[in-house]
Amino acid sequence: MQKDLLKLITSIKPEFDSDSNFNNPLPNSASIYLKDEKHLIDITLADNVLEVRINLKGRDYNIGGKDVQVLYNHLNECLRHQIELTKEYYLEDLYYRQRGLI
């Protein structure tokens, strides 16, 4: 993968989602999306399945196995970090609720 493209992809802030119906759901998917005049980047990691759609200047960009692993690792690390932040938030919220501070 081109270094410039990888730098662009890793600079995009991921969005996180959960398909859980629990009160305190943890995210189970991460996605990166960018659409402008030169790029269409749509990458999603959900339930350990990576879906990649990259279009540069109107042409599909095919990625190889090494690139797939790099993108998977990047989104998986972002997802793990978001899960930990979410857990911390829920614990802090519970702490304040138990003490009647909220």
PDB file of N, CA and C in Angstrom:
ATOM      1  N   MET A   1       0.854  -1.175   0.000  1.00  0.00           N
ATOM      2  CA  MET A   1       0.000   0.000   0.000  1.00  0.00           C
ATOM      3  C   MET A   1       0.897   1.234   0.000  1.00  0.00           C
ATOM      4  N   GLN A   2       0.471   2.233  -0.704  1.00  0.00           N
ATOM      5  CA  GLN A   2       1.212   3.485  -0.761  1.00  0.00           C
ATOM      6  C   GLN A   2       1.274   4.097   0.636  1.00  0.00           C
ATOM      7  N   LYS A   3       2.442   4.637   0.984  1.00  0.00           N
ATOM      8  CA  LYS A   3       2.613   5.238   2.309  1.00  0.00           C
ATOM      9  C   LYS A   3       1.649   6.398   2.519  1.00  0.00           C
ATOM     10  N   ASP A   4       1.437   7.198   1.474  1.00  0.00           N
ATOM     11  CA  ASP A   4       0.516   8.335   1.587  1.00  0.00           C
ATOM     12  C   ASP A   4      -0.907   7.866   1.863  1.00  0.00           C
ATOM     13  N   LEU A   5      -1.305   6.785   1.201  1.00  0.00           N
ATOM     14  CA  LEU A   5      -2.648   6.243   1.402  1.00  0.00           C
ATOM     15  C   LEU A   5      -2.795   5.692   2.809  1.00  0.00           C
ATOM     16  N   LEU A   6      -1.796   4.965   3.287  1.00  0.00           N
ATOM     17  CA  LEU A   6      -1.849   4.424   4.647  1.00  0.00           C
ATOM     18  C   LEU A   6      -1.891   5.557   5.671  1.00  0.00           C
ATOM     19  N   LYS A   7      -1.112   6.606   5.444  1.00  0.00           N
ATOM     20  CA  LYS A   7      -1.118   7.763   6.350  1.00  0.00           C
ATOM     21  C   LYS A   7      -2.496   8.419   6.372  1.00  0.00           C
ATOM     22  N   LEU A   8      -3.112   8.542   5.192  1.00  0.00           N
ATOM     23  CA  LEU A   8      -4.453   9.120   5.104  1.00  0.00           C
ATOM     24  C   LEU A   8      -5.462   8.253   5.862  1.00  0.00           C
ATOM     25  N   ILE A   9      -5.412   6.956   5.639  1.00  0.00           N
ATOM     26  CA  ILE A   9      -6.365   6.041   6.292  1.00  0.00           C
ATOM     27  C   ILE A   9      -6.226   6.096   7.802  1.00  0.00           C
ATOM     28  N   THR A  10      -4.999   6.074   8.297  1.00  0.00           N
ATOM     29  CA  THR A  10      -4.803   6.075   9.751  1.00  0.00           C
ATOM     30  C   THR A  10      -5.095   7.438  10.372  1.00  0.00           C
ATOM     31  N   SER A  11      -5.201   8.485   9.542  1.00  0.00           N
ATOM     32  CA  SER A  11      -5.531   9.805  10.088  1.00  0.00           C
ATOM     33  C   SER A  11      -7.041  10.022  10.222  1.00  0.00           C
ATOM     34  N   ILE A  12      -7.827   9.159   9.603  1.00  0.00           N
ATOM     35  CA  ILE A  12      -9.284   9.293   9.659  1.00  0.00           C
ATOM     36  C   ILE A  12      -9.767   8.765  11.002  1.00  0.00           C
ATOM     37  N   LYS A  13     -10.578   9.568  11.671  1.00  0.00           N
ATOM     38  CA  LYS A  13     -11.109   9.157  12.973  1.00  0.00           C
ATOM     39  C   LYS A  13     -12.156   8.057  12.773  1.00  0.00           C
ATOM     40  N   PRO A  14     -11.947   6.900  13.390  1.00  0.00           N
ATOM     41  CA  PRO A  14     -12.928   5.817  13.231  1.00  0.00           C
ATOM     42  C   PRO A  14     -14.227   6.095  13.983  1.00  0.00           C
ATOM     43  N   GLU A  15     -15.281   5.499  13.487  1.00  0.00           N
ATOM     44  CA  GLU A  15     -16.570   5.532  14.177  1.00  0.00           C
ATOM     45  C   GLU A  15     -16.841   4.132  14.705  1.00  0.00           C
ATOM     46  N   PHE A  16     -17.513   4.075  15.850  1.00  0.00           N
ATOM     47  CA  PHE A  16     -17.750   2.802  16.512  1.00  0.00           C
ATOM     48  C   PHE A  16     -19.244   2.584  16.683  1.00  0.00           C
ATOM     49  N   ASP A  17     -19.629   1.320  16.649  1.00  0.00           N
ATOM     50  CA  ASP A  17     -21.037   0.980  16.762  1.00  0.00           C
ATOM     51  C   ASP A  17     -21.177  -0.326  17.530  1.00  0.00           C
ATOM     52  N   SER A  18     -22.376  -0.534  18.051  1.00  0.00           N
ATOM     53  CA  SER A  18     -22.692  -1.771  18.756  1.00  0.00           C
ATOM     54  C   SER A  18     -24.063  -2.229  18.308  1.00  0.00           C
ATOM     55  N   ASP A  19     -24.205  -3.527  18.136  1.00  0.00           N
ATOM     56  CA  ASP A  19     -25.519  -4.064  17.789  1.00  0.00           C
ATOM     57  C   ASP A  19     -26.172  -4.730  18.995  1.00  0.00           C
ATOM     58  N   SER A  20     -25.669  -4.394  20.178  1.00  0.00           N
ATOM     59  CA  SER A  20     -26.171  -4.976  21.416  1.00  0.00           C
ATOM     60  C   SER A  20     -27.397  -4.217  21.918  1.00  0.00           C
ATOM     61  N   ASN A  21     -28.278  -4.936  22.583  1.00  0.00           N
ATOM     62  CA  ASN A  21     -29.460  -4.318  23.186  1.00  0.00           C
ATOM     63  C   ASN A  21     -29.324  -4.161  24.693  1.00  0.00           C
ATOM     64  N   PHE A  22     -28.134  -4.415  25.229  1.00  0.00           N
ATOM     65  CA  PHE A  22     -27.913  -4.276  26.662  1.00  0.00           C
ATOM     66  C   PHE A  22     -27.912  -2.803  27.062  1.00  0.00           C
ATOM     67  N   ASN A  23     -28.067  -2.559  28.362  1.00  0.00           N
ATOM     68  CA  ASN A  23     -28.052  -1.181  28.866  1.00  0.00           C
ATOM     69  C   ASN A  23     -26.721  -0.495  28.625  1.00  0.00           C
ATOM     70  N   ASN A  24     -25.648  -1.228  28.823  1.00  0.00           N
ATOM     71  CA  ASN A  24     -24.309  -0.675  28.659  1.00  0.00           C
ATOM     72  C   ASN A  24     -23.567  -1.434  27.555  1.00  0.00           C
ATOM     73  N   PRO A  25     -23.910  -1.170  26.307  1.00  0.00           N
ATOM     74  CA  PRO A  25     -23.290  -1.935  25.219  1.00  0.00           C
ATOM     75  C   PRO A  25     -21.838  -1.527  24.981  1.00  0.00           C
ATOM     76  N   LEU A  26     -21.044  -2.505  24.600  1.00  0.00           N
ATOM     77  CA  LEU A  26     -19.672  -2.243  24.184  1.00  0.00           C
ATOM     78  C   LEU A  26     -19.635  -2.252  22.659  1.00  0.00           C
ATOM     79  N   PRO A  27     -18.812  -1.410  22.076  1.00  0.00           N
ATOM     80  CA  PRO A  27     -18.742  -1.390  20.618  1.00  0.00           C
ATOM     81  C   PRO A  27     -18.208  -2.720  20.081  1.00  0.00           C
ATOM     82  N   ASN A  28     -18.751  -3.154  18.940  1.00  0.00           N
ATOM     83  CA  ASN A  28     -18.253  -4.375  18.324  1.00  0.00           C
ATOM     84  C   ASN A  28     -17.922  -4.166  16.847  1.00  0.00           C
ATOM     85  N   SER A  29     -17.940  -2.916  16.413  1.00  0.00           N
ATOM     86  CA  SER A  29     -17.513  -2.633  15.049  1.00  0.00           C
ATOM     87  C   SER A  29     -16.853  -1.259  14.987  1.00  0.00           C
ATOM     88  N   ALA A  30     -15.910  -1.154  14.064  1.00  0.00           N
ATOM     89  CA  ALA A  30     -15.220   0.109  13.829  1.00  0.00           C
ATOM     90  C   ALA A  30     -15.204   0.341  12.327  1.00  0.00           C
ATOM     91  N   SER A  31     -15.414   1.592  11.935  1.00  0.00           N
ATOM     92  CA  SER A  31     -15.399   1.888  10.513  1.00  0.00           C
ATOM     93  C   SER A  31     -14.708   3.219  10.247  1.00  0.00           C
ATOM     94  N   ILE A  32     -14.131   3.293   9.066  1.00  0.00           N
ATOM     95  CA  ILE A  32     -13.451   4.495   8.591  1.00  0.00           C
ATOM     96  C   ILE A  32     -14.087   4.844   7.257  1.00  0.00           C
ATOM     97  N   TYR A  33     -14.464   6.105   7.108  1.00  0.00           N
ATOM     98  CA  TYR A  33     -15.107   6.520   5.861  1.00  0.00           C
ATOM     99  C   TYR A  33     -14.612   7.906   5.459  1.00  0.00           C
ATOM    100  N   LEU A  34     -14.276   8.020   4.197  1.00  0.00           N
ATOM    101  CA  LEU A  34     -13.882   9.306   3.639  1.00  0.00           C
ATOM    102  C   LEU A  34     -14.311   9.331   2.176  1.00  0.00           C
ATOM    103  N   LYS A  35     -14.962  10.407   1.804  1.00  0.00           N
ATOM    104  CA  LYS A  35     -15.315  10.601   0.393  1.00  0.00           C
ATOM    105  C   LYS A  35     -15.021  12.044   0.034  1.00  0.00           C
ATOM    106  N   ASP A  36     -14.135  12.217  -0.919  1.00  0.00           N
ATOM    107  CA  ASP A  36     -13.838  13.549  -1.438  1.00  0.00           C
ATOM    108  C   ASP A  36     -13.584  13.419  -2.942  1.00  0.00           C
ATOM    109  N   GLU A  37     -13.022  14.446  -3.556  1.00  0.00           N
ATOM    110  CA  GLU A  37     -12.834  14.445  -5.011  1.00  0.00           C
ATOM    111  C   GLU A  37     -11.887  13.346  -5.488  1.00  0.00           C
ATOM    112  N   LYS A  38     -10.915  12.987  -4.663  1.00  0.00           N
ATOM    113  CA  LYS A  38      -9.890  12.024  -5.080  1.00  0.00           C
ATOM    114  C   LYS A  38     -10.056  10.643  -4.473  1.00  0.00           C
ATOM    115  N   HIS A  39     -10.760  10.547  -3.363  1.00  0.00           N
ATOM    116  CA  HIS A  39     -10.784   9.299  -2.613  1.00  0.00           C
ATOM    117  C   HIS A  39     -12.195   8.855  -2.250  1.00  0.00           C
ATOM    118  N   LEU A  40     -12.363   7.564  -2.232  1.00  0.00           N
ATOM    119  CA  LEU A  40     -13.499   6.938  -1.561  1.00  0.00           C
ATOM    120  C   LEU A  40     -12.896   5.817  -0.734  1.00  0.00           C
ATOM    121  N   ILE A  41     -12.939   5.987   0.565  1.00  0.00           N
ATOM    122  CA  ILE A  41     -12.374   5.004   1.481  1.00  0.00           C
ATOM    123  C   ILE A  41     -13.488   4.576   2.422  1.00  0.00           C
ATOM    124  N   ASP A  42     -13.798   3.312   2.395  1.00  0.00           N
ATOM    125  CA  ASP A  42     -14.859   2.752   3.221  1.00  0.00           C
ATOM    126  C   ASP A  42     -14.350   1.410   3.768  1.00  0.00           C
ATOM    127  N   ILE A  43     -13.948   1.419   5.027  1.00  0.00           N
ATOM    128  CA  ILE A  43     -13.349   0.236   5.650  1.00  0.00           C
ATOM    129  C   ILE A  43     -14.099  -0.041   6.949  1.00  0.00           C
ATOM    130  N   THR A  44     -14.521  -1.277   7.123  1.00  0.00           N
ATOM    131  CA  THR A  44     -15.276  -1.662   8.320  1.00  0.00           C
ATOM    132  C   THR A  44     -14.731  -2.961   8.879  1.00  0.00           C
ATOM    133  N   LEU A  45     -14.605  -2.994  10.199  1.00  0.00           N
ATOM    134  CA  LEU A  45     -14.266  -4.219  10.912  1.00  0.00           C
ATOM    135  C   LEU A  45     -15.410  -4.500  11.873  1.00  0.00           C
ATOM    136  N   ALA A  46     -16.102  -5.611  11.643  1.00  0.00           N
ATOM    137  CA  ALA A  46     -17.219  -6.005  12.501  1.00  0.00           C
ATOM    138  C   ALA A  46     -17.164  -7.514  12.698  1.00  0.00           C
ATOM    139  N   ASP A  47     -17.191  -7.930  13.960  1.00  0.00           N
ATOM    140  CA  ASP A  47     -17.152  -9.362  14.286  1.00  0.00           C
ATOM    141  C   ASP A  47     -15.974 -10.053  13.611  1.00  0.00           C
ATOM    142  N   ASN A  48     -14.820  -9.413  13.666  1.00  0.00           N
ATOM    143  CA  ASN A  48     -13.560  -9.927  13.111  1.00  0.00           C
ATOM    144  C   ASN A  48     -13.574 -10.104  11.595  1.00  0.00           C
ATOM    145  N   VAL A  49     -14.502  -9.454  10.910  1.00  0.00           N
ATOM    146  CA  VAL A  49     -14.558  -9.486   9.446  1.00  0.00           C
ATOM    147  C   VAL A  49     -14.240  -8.090   8.927  1.00  0.00           C
ATOM    148  N   LEU A  50     -13.226  -8.016   8.078  1.00  0.00           N
ATOM    149  CA  LEU A  50     -12.804  -6.742   7.510  1.00  0.00           C
ATOM    150  C   LEU A  50     -13.382  -6.592   6.109  1.00  0.00           C
ATOM    151  N   GLU A  51     -14.063  -5.478   5.881  1.00  0.00           N
ATOM    152  CA  GLU A  51     -14.575  -5.151   4.547  1.00  0.00           C
ATOM    153  C   GLU A  51     -13.876  -3.877   4.091  1.00  0.00           C
ATOM    154  N   VAL A  52     -13.323  -3.914   2.892  1.00  0.00           N
ATOM    155  CA  VAL A  52     -12.534  -2.792   2.395  1.00  0.00           C
ATOM    156  C   VAL A  52     -13.022  -2.383   1.009  1.00  0.00           C
ATOM    157  N   ARG A  53     -13.268  -1.105   0.874  1.00  0.00           N
ATOM    158  CA  ARG A  53     -13.579  -0.528  -0.438  1.00  0.00           C
ATOM    159  C   ARG A  53     -12.776   0.760  -0.556  1.00  0.00           C
ATOM    160  N   ILE A  54     -11.828   0.751  -1.477  1.00  0.00           N
ATOM    161  CA  ILE A  54     -10.994   1.928  -1.705  1.00  0.00           C
ATOM    162  C   ILE A  54     -11.035   2.253  -3.193  1.00  0.00           C
ATOM    163  N   ASN A  55     -11.335   3.506  -3.489  1.00  0.00           N
ATOM    164  CA  ASN A  55     -11.398   3.975  -4.861  1.00  0.00           C
ATOM    165  C   ASN A  55     -10.581   5.254  -4.926  1.00  0.00           C
ATOM    166  N   LEU A  56      -9.559   5.256  -5.784  1.00  0.00           N
ATOM    167  CA  LEU A  56      -8.694   6.422  -5.935  1.00  0.00           C
ATOM    168  C   LEU A  56      -8.859   7.006  -7.328  1.00  0.00           C
ATOM    169  N   LYS A  57      -9.273   8.235  -7.390  1.00  0.00           N
ATOM    170  CA  LYS A  57      -9.456   8.949  -8.660  1.00  0.00           C
ATOM    171  C   LYS A  57     -10.297   8.144  -9.646  1.00  0.00           C
ATOM    172  N   GLY A  58     -11.371   7.538  -9.155  1.00  0.00           N
ATOM    173  CA  GLY A  58     -12.288   6.813 -10.019  1.00  0.00           C
ATOM    174  C   GLY A  58     -11.904   5.375 -10.316  1.00  0.00           C
ATOM    175  N   ARG A  59     -10.817   4.901  -9.758  1.00  0.00           N
ATOM    176  CA  ARG A  59     -10.381   3.525  -9.996  1.00  0.00           C
ATOM    177  C   ARG A  59     -10.342   2.752  -8.685  1.00  0.00           C
ATOM    178  N   ASP A  60     -10.829   1.517  -8.746  1.00  0.00           N
ATOM    179  CA  ASP A  60     -10.762   0.656  -7.562  1.00  0.00           C
ATOM    180  C   ASP A  60      -9.307   0.357  -7.240  1.00  0.00           C
ATOM    181  N   TYR A  61      -8.995   0.389  -5.966  1.00  0.00           N
ATOM    182  CA  TYR A  61      -7.653   0.095  -5.500  1.00  0.00           C
ATOM    183  C   TYR A  61      -7.694  -1.271  -4.832  1.00  0.00           C
ATOM    184  N   ASN A  62      -6.974  -2.203  -5.406  1.00  0.00           N
ATOM    185  CA  ASN A  62      -6.935  -3.553  -4.861  1.00  0.00           C
ATOM    186  C   ASN A  62      -5.798  -3.662  -3.855  1.00  0.00           C
ATOM    187  N   ILE A  63      -6.113  -4.244  -2.719  1.00  0.00           N
ATOM    188  CA  ILE A  63      -5.099  -4.380  -1.687  1.00  0.00           C
ATOM    189  C   ILE A  63      -4.693  -5.842  -1.559  1.00  0.00           C
ATOM    190  N   GLY A  64      -3.451  -6.045  -1.154  1.00  0.00           N
ATOM    191  CA  GLY A  64      -2.925  -7.392  -0.988  1.00  0.00           C
ATOM    192  C   GLY A  64      -3.070  -7.874   0.441  1.00  0.00           C
ATOM    193  N   GLY A  65      -2.629  -9.089   0.669  1.00  0.00           N
ATOM    194  CA  GLY A  65      -2.758  -9.714   1.984  1.00  0.00           C
ATOM    195  C   GLY A  65      -2.073  -8.952   3.102  1.00  0.00           C
ATOM    196  N   LYS A  66      -0.886  -8.413   2.821  1.00  0.00           N
ATOM    197  CA  LYS A  66      -0.167  -7.647   3.837  1.00  0.00           C
ATOM    198  C   LYS A  66      -0.941  -6.381   4.202  1.00  0.00           C
ATOM    199  N   ASP A  67      -1.512  -5.738   3.191  1.00  0.00           N
ATOM    200  CA  ASP A  67      -2.301  -4.527   3.424  1.00  0.00           C
ATOM    201  C   ASP A  67      -3.551  -4.831   4.234  1.00  0.00           C
ATOM    202  N   VAL A  68      -4.176  -5.967   3.936  1.00  0.00           N
ATOM    203  CA  VAL A  68      -5.360  -6.382   4.696  1.00  0.00           C
ATOM    204  C   VAL A  68      -4.995  -6.543   6.166  1.00  0.00           C
ATOM    205  N   GLN A  69      -3.863  -7.152   6.435  1.00  0.00           N
ATOM    206  CA  GLN A  69      -3.427  -7.360   7.815  1.00  0.00           C
ATOM    207  C   GLN A  69      -3.147  -6.034   8.509  1.00  0.00           C
ATOM    208  N   VAL A  70      -2.526  -5.092   7.796  1.00  0.00           N
ATOM    209  CA  VAL A  70      -2.239  -3.770   8.375  1.00  0.00           C
ATOM    210  C   VAL A  70      -3.541  -3.054   8.723  1.00  0.00           C
ATOM    211  N   LEU A  71      -4.502  -3.068   7.804  1.00  0.00           N
ATOM    212  CA  LEU A  71      -5.786  -2.405   8.051  1.00  0.00           C
ATOM    213  C   LEU A  71      -6.552  -3.097   9.176  1.00  0.00           C
ATOM    214  N   TYR A  72      -6.547  -4.428   9.183  1.00  0.00           N
ATOM    215  CA  TYR A  72      -7.218  -5.180  10.239  1.00  0.00           C
ATOM    216  C   TYR A  72      -6.614  -4.822  11.599  1.00  0.00           C
ATOM    217  N   ASN A  73      -5.294  -4.846  11.682  1.00  0.00           N
ATOM    218  CA  ASN A  73      -4.630  -4.541  12.954  1.00  0.00           C
ATOM    219  C   ASN A  73      -4.944  -3.117  13.416  1.00  0.00           C
ATOM    220  N   HIS A  74      -4.952  -2.177  12.481  1.00  0.00           N
ATOM    221  CA  HIS A  74      -5.237  -0.781  12.842  1.00  0.00           C
ATOM    222  C   HIS A  74      -6.653  -0.638  13.414  1.00  0.00           C
ATOM    223  N   LEU A  75      -7.643  -1.162  12.704  1.00  0.00           N
ATOM    224  CA  LEU A  75      -9.024  -1.025  13.180  1.00  0.00           C
ATOM    225  C   LEU A  75      -9.263  -1.846  14.441  1.00  0.00           C
ATOM    226  N   ASN A  76      -8.647  -3.009  14.529  1.00  0.00           N
ATOM    227  CA  ASN A  76      -8.811  -3.838  15.717  1.00  0.00           C
ATOM    228  C   ASN A  76      -8.229  -3.136  16.948  1.00  0.00           C
ATOM    229  N   GLU A  77      -7.096  -2.494  16.795  1.00  0.00           N
ATOM    230  CA  GLU A  77      -6.496  -1.754  17.912  1.00  0.00           C
ATOM    231  C   GLU A  77      -7.370  -0.560  18.296  1.00  0.00           C
ATOM    232  N   CYS A  78      -7.904   0.147  17.315  1.00  0.00           N
ATOM    233  CA  CYS A  78      -8.821   1.259  17.604  1.00  0.00           C
ATOM    234  C   CYS A  78     -10.053   0.754  18.356  1.00  0.00           C
ATOM    235  N   LEU A  79     -10.575  -0.374  17.934  1.00  0.00           N
ATOM    236  CA  LEU A  79     -11.760  -0.950  18.576  1.00  0.00           C
ATOM    237  C   LEU A  79     -11.452  -1.366  20.006  1.00  0.00           C
ATOM    238  N   ARG A  80     -10.322  -2.029  20.210  1.00  0.00           N
ATOM    239  CA  ARG A  80      -9.942  -2.430  21.580  1.00  0.00           C
ATOM    240  C   ARG A  80      -9.798  -1.213  22.486  1.00  0.00           C
ATOM    241  N   HIS A  81      -9.193  -0.163  21.965  1.00  0.00           N
ATOM    242  CA  HIS A  81      -9.020   1.057  22.752  1.00  0.00           C
ATOM    243  C   HIS A  81     -10.381   1.671  23.107  1.00  0.00           C
ATOM    244  N   GLN A  82     -11.287   1.693  22.148  1.00  0.00           N
ATOM    245  CA  GLN A  82     -12.624   2.250  22.400  1.00  0.00           C
ATOM    246  C   GLN A  82     -13.399   1.410  23.406  1.00  0.00           C
ATOM    247  N   ILE A  83     -13.237   0.104  23.348  1.00  0.00           N
ATOM    248  CA  ILE A  83     -13.892  -0.775  24.328  1.00  0.00           C
ATOM    249  C   ILE A  83     -13.395  -0.455  25.733  1.00  0.00           C
ATOM    250  N   GLU A  84     -12.093  -0.276  25.886  1.00  0.00           N
ATOM    251  CA  GLU A  84     -11.537   0.058  27.207  1.00  0.00           C
ATOM    252  C   GLU A  84     -12.032   1.422  27.688  1.00  0.00           C
ATOM    253  N   LEU A  85     -12.093   2.399  26.791  1.00  0.00           N
ATOM    254  CA  LEU A  85     -12.629   3.716  27.174  1.00  0.00           C
ATOM    255  C   LEU A  85     -14.093   3.612  27.598  1.00  0.00           C
ATOM    256  N   THR A  86     -14.856   2.807  26.888  1.00  0.00           N
ATOM    257  CA  THR A  86     -16.275   2.628  27.206  1.00  0.00           C
ATOM    258  C   THR A  86     -16.444   1.962  28.559  1.00  0.00           C
ATOM    259  N   LYS A  87     -15.641   0.956  28.851  1.00  0.00           N
ATOM    260  CA  LYS A  87     -15.693   0.283  30.156  1.00  0.00           C
ATOM    261  C   LYS A  87     -15.372   1.270  31.273  1.00  0.00           C
ATOM    262  N   GLU A  88     -14.340   2.083  31.070  1.00  0.00           N
ATOM    263  CA  GLU A  88     -13.977   3.088  32.073  1.00  0.00           C
ATOM    264  C   GLU A  88     -15.125   4.067  32.303  1.00  0.00           C
ATOM    265  N   TYR A  89     -15.771   4.492  31.225  1.00  0.00           N
ATOM    266  CA  TYR A  89     -16.897   5.407  31.337  1.00  0.00           C
ATOM    267  C   TYR A  89     -18.012   4.780  32.170  1.00  0.00           C
ATOM    268  N   TYR A  90     -18.365   3.531  31.863  1.00  0.00           N
ATOM    269  CA  TYR A  90     -19.444   2.863  32.597  1.00  0.00           C
ATOM    270  C   TYR A  90     -19.094   2.691  34.069  1.00  0.00           C
ATOM    271  N   LEU A  91     -17.843   2.362  34.370  1.00  0.00           N
ATOM    272  CA  LEU A  91     -17.431   2.218  35.768  1.00  0.00           C
ATOM    273  C   LEU A  91     -17.496   3.556  36.505  1.00  0.00           C
ATOM    274  N   GLU A  92     -17.071   4.613  35.854  1.00  0.00           N
ATOM    275  CA  GLU A  92     -17.122   5.943  36.471  1.00  0.00           C
ATOM    276  C   GLU A  92     -18.578   6.370  36.682  1.00  0.00           C
ATOM    277  N   ASP A  93     -19.414   6.116  35.699  1.00  0.00           N
ATOM    278  CA  ASP A  93     -20.832   6.446  35.805  1.00  0.00           C
ATOM    279  C   ASP A  93     -21.470   5.681  36.971  1.00  0.00           C
ATOM    280  N   LEU A  94     -21.168   4.398  37.077  1.00  0.00           N
ATOM    281  CA  LEU A  94     -21.694   3.582  38.167  1.00  0.00           C
ATOM    282  C   LEU A  94     -21.224   4.110  39.518  1.00  0.00           C
ATOM    283  N   TYR A  95     -19.977   4.476  39.629  1.00  0.00           N
ATOM    284  CA  TYR A  95     -19.410   5.031  40.857  1.00  0.00           C
ATOM    285  C   TYR A  95     -20.216   6.253  41.324  1.00  0.00           C
ATOM    286  N   TYR A  96     -20.438   7.187  40.404  1.00  0.00           N
ATOM    287  CA  TYR A  96     -21.155   8.409  40.765  1.00  0.00           C
ATOM    288  C   TYR A  96     -22.639   8.157  41.055  1.00  0.00           C
ATOM    289  N   ARG A  97     -23.239   7.222  40.335  1.00  0.00           N
ATOM    290  CA  ARG A  97     -24.656   6.894  40.582  1.00  0.00           C
ATOM    291  C   ARG A  97     -24.851   6.241  41.948  1.00  0.00           C
ATOM    292  N   GLN A  98     -23.935   5.360  42.320  1.00  0.00           N
ATOM    293  CA  GLN A  98     -24.035   4.673  43.612  1.00  0.00           C
ATOM    294  C   GLN A  98     -23.892   5.653  44.779  1.00  0.00           C
ATOM    295  N   ARG A  99     -23.208   6.748  44.549  1.00  0.00           N
ATOM    296  CA  ARG A  99     -23.003   7.735  45.598  1.00  0.00           C
ATOM    297  C   ARG A  99     -24.002   8.883  45.506  1.00  0.00           C
ATOM    298  N   GLY A 100     -24.946   8.758  44.569  1.00  0.00           N
ATOM    299  CA  GLY A 100     -25.974   9.774  44.415  1.00  0.00           C
ATOM    300  C   GLY A 100     -25.461  11.098  43.907  1.00  0.00           C
ATOM    301  N   LEU A 101     -24.368  11.066  43.205  1.00  0.00           N
ATOM    302  CA  LEU A 101     -23.762  12.300  42.715  1.00  0.00           C
ATOM    303  C   LEU A 101     -24.259  12.676  41.323  1.00  0.00           C
ATOM    304  N   ILE A 102     -25.050  11.815  40.735  1.00  0.00           N
ATOM    305  CA  ILE A 102     -25.620  12.112  39.410  1.00  0.00           C
ATOM    306  C   ILE A 102     -27.136  12.144  39.549  1.00  0.00           C
TER     307      ILE A 102
END
